[in-house]
Amino acid sequence: MKLEHLAIWVENLEMMKDFYCKYFAMTAGEKYHNPSKNFTSYFLSFESGARIELMHKQEIFTPEQRNHSFGYTHIALSTGSKEKVLSLTEKLRNDGFEIVGEPRTTGDGYFESIILDPEGNHIELTI
């Protein structure tokens, strides 16, 4: 078995697509739009074939819905090396993104940092 894709509800579909493509070398497929459901999405692909689906539906983002936290805790993206974790963390910091977990070796031996994407989702950068 393998993970086919991870789906994330987003408020600003275009901004989030641009963020993931720019910083994580993902490629965006064609934008999907279902007018009867007022739903739009993009599938973003890593070179390895793993995918993230960014989904938007305006009704999901009512004030009442925003008060609930559902979904994933974080996604972990492997950069391939400690140096790449450090350099990508600094690039994101310099570009104004929040670093909520400075680069470190965890108690169980992982080297990681944790950043927030533009809508506050946690991304763990690891080797």
Protein backbone atom coordinates (compact mmCIF):
# COMPACT_ATOMS: atom_id res chain seq x y z
CA MET A 1 0.00 0.00 0.00
CA LYS A 2 0.97 3.63 -0.46
CA LEU A 3 -0.53 6.98 0.32
CA GLU A 4 -2.27 8.23 -2.84
CA HIS A 5 -2.63 11.84 -1.74
CA LEU A 6 -3.23 14.16 1.20
CA ALA A 7 -6.08 16.68 0.90
CA ILE A 8 -6.11 20.08 2.57
CA TRP A 9 -8.99 22.56 2.72
CA VAL A 10 -7.60 26.01 1.91
CA GLU A 11 -9.09 29.46 1.95
CA ASN A 12 -6.94 30.97 -0.81
CA LEU A 13 -6.46 28.28 -3.45
CA GLU A 14 -4.13 30.20 -5.79
CA MET A 15 -1.87 31.51 -3.01
CA MET A 16 -1.53 28.05 -1.48
CA LYS A 17 -0.81 26.44 -4.88
CA ASP A 18 1.92 29.01 -5.52
CA PHE A 19 3.42 28.46 -2.05
CA TYR A 20 3.69 24.67 -2.35
CA CYS A 21 5.00 24.82 -5.93
CA LYS A 22 7.61 27.48 -5.14
CA TYR A 23 9.05 26.11 -1.91
CA PHE A 24 8.65 22.35 -2.39
CA ALA A 25 9.24 21.96 -6.14
CA MET A 26 5.75 20.63 -6.73
CA THR A 27 3.98 20.71 -10.08
CA ALA A 28 0.34 21.76 -10.26
CA GLY A 29 -2.14 19.95 -12.45
CA GLU A 30 -5.05 21.69 -14.13
CA LYS A 31 -7.44 23.54 -11.88
CA TYR A 32 -10.65 21.55 -11.33
CA HIS A 33 -13.94 23.40 -10.94
CA ASN A 34 -17.34 21.91 -10.15
CA PRO A 35 -19.81 24.81 -10.44
CA SER A 36 -22.78 22.82 -9.11
CA LYS A 37 -20.92 22.25 -5.82
CA ASN A 38 -19.01 25.57 -5.89
CA PHE A 39 -15.82 23.49 -5.46
CA THR A 40 -12.34 24.04 -6.90
CA SER A 41 -9.12 22.13 -6.42
CA TYR A 42 -5.59 21.46 -7.65
CA PHE A 43 -3.55 18.29 -7.43
CA LEU A 44 0.11 19.11 -6.75
CA SER A 45 2.74 16.45 -7.44
CA PHE A 46 6.23 15.84 -6.13
CA GLU A 47 8.78 14.37 -8.53
CA SER A 48 8.46 11.11 -6.54
CA GLY A 49 4.77 10.88 -7.48
CA ALA A 50 3.33 11.73 -4.05
CA ARG A 51 0.50 14.26 -4.28
CA ILE A 52 -1.33 16.90 -2.27
CA GLU A 53 -4.83 18.01 -3.20
CA LEU A 54 -5.64 21.60 -2.29
CA MET A 55 -9.40 22.07 -2.07
CA HIS A 56 -11.59 25.16 -1.76
CA LYS A 57 -15.28 25.62 -1.15
CA GLN A 58 -16.36 29.02 0.14
CA GLU A 59 -19.02 27.57 2.45
CA ILE A 60 -16.31 25.73 4.42
CA PHE A 61 -14.89 29.07 5.60
CA THR A 62 -17.85 30.61 7.38
CA PRO A 63 -17.05 32.18 10.76
CA GLU A 64 -18.64 29.18 12.49
CA GLN A 65 -16.46 26.71 10.56
CA ARG A 66 -13.26 28.67 11.26
CA ASN A 67 -13.71 28.10 14.99
CA HIS A 68 -13.24 24.34 14.57
CA SER A 69 -9.89 22.67 14.00
CA PHE A 70 -10.16 19.54 11.92
CA GLY A 71 -7.68 17.83 9.64
CA TYR A 72 -4.12 16.81 9.96
CA THR A 73 -1.62 17.73 12.67
CA HIS A 74 1.24 18.26 10.22
CA ILE A 75 2.77 16.96 7.05
CA ALA A 76 6.42 15.96 6.99
CA LEU A 77 8.45 16.70 3.89
CA SER A 78 11.85 15.09 3.43
CA THR A 79 14.47 17.44 2.02
CA GLY A 80 17.21 14.81 1.73
CA SER A 81 19.80 16.37 4.03
CA LYS A 82 20.39 18.40 7.18
CA GLU A 83 21.85 21.20 5.07
CA LYS A 84 18.68 21.40 2.98
CA VAL A 85 16.50 21.52 6.12
CA LEU A 86 18.61 24.44 7.35
CA SER A 87 18.70 26.31 4.03
CA LEU A 88 14.97 25.90 3.30
CA THR A 89 14.08 26.94 6.85
CA GLU A 90 16.15 30.11 6.43
CA LYS A 91 14.69 30.83 2.99
CA LEU A 92 11.17 30.55 4.38
CA ARG A 93 12.09 32.71 7.42
CA ASN A 94 13.61 35.37 5.15
CA ASP A 95 10.49 35.33 3.00
CA GLY A 96 8.37 36.11 6.07
CA PHE A 97 6.97 32.70 7.00
CA GLU A 98 6.70 31.75 10.66
CA ILE A 99 9.11 29.15 12.04
CA VAL A 100 7.34 27.48 14.96
CA GLY A 101 10.00 24.84 15.55
CA GLU A 102 13.61 25.83 15.08
CA PRO A 103 15.92 23.27 13.41
CA ARG A 104 16.91 20.62 15.94
CA THR A 105 17.53 16.96 16.53
CA THR A 106 14.57 15.47 18.37
CA GLY A 107 14.80 13.01 21.24
CA ASP A 108 14.04 10.15 18.86
CA GLY A 109 16.82 11.18 16.48
CA TYR A 110 15.00 13.12 13.74
CA PHE A 111 16.48 16.38 12.48
CA GLU A 112 13.65 18.78 11.72
CA SER A 113 12.21 22.27 11.72
CA ILE A 114 8.55 23.22 11.65
CA ILE A 115 7.12 26.07 9.61
CA LEU A 116 3.62 27.39 8.99
CA ASP A 117 2.24 27.62 5.47
CA PRO A 118 0.34 30.82 4.58
CA GLU A 119 -2.85 29.52 6.21
CA GLY A 120 -1.25 28.24 9.42
CA ASN A 121 -0.86 24.53 8.59
CA HIS A 122 2.23 22.91 10.15
CA ILE A 123 4.90 21.59 7.81
CA GLU A 124 7.74 19.55 9.30
CA LEU A 125 10.91 19.79 7.25
CA THR A 126 13.10 16.74 7.84
CA ILE A 127 15.97 14.78 6.33
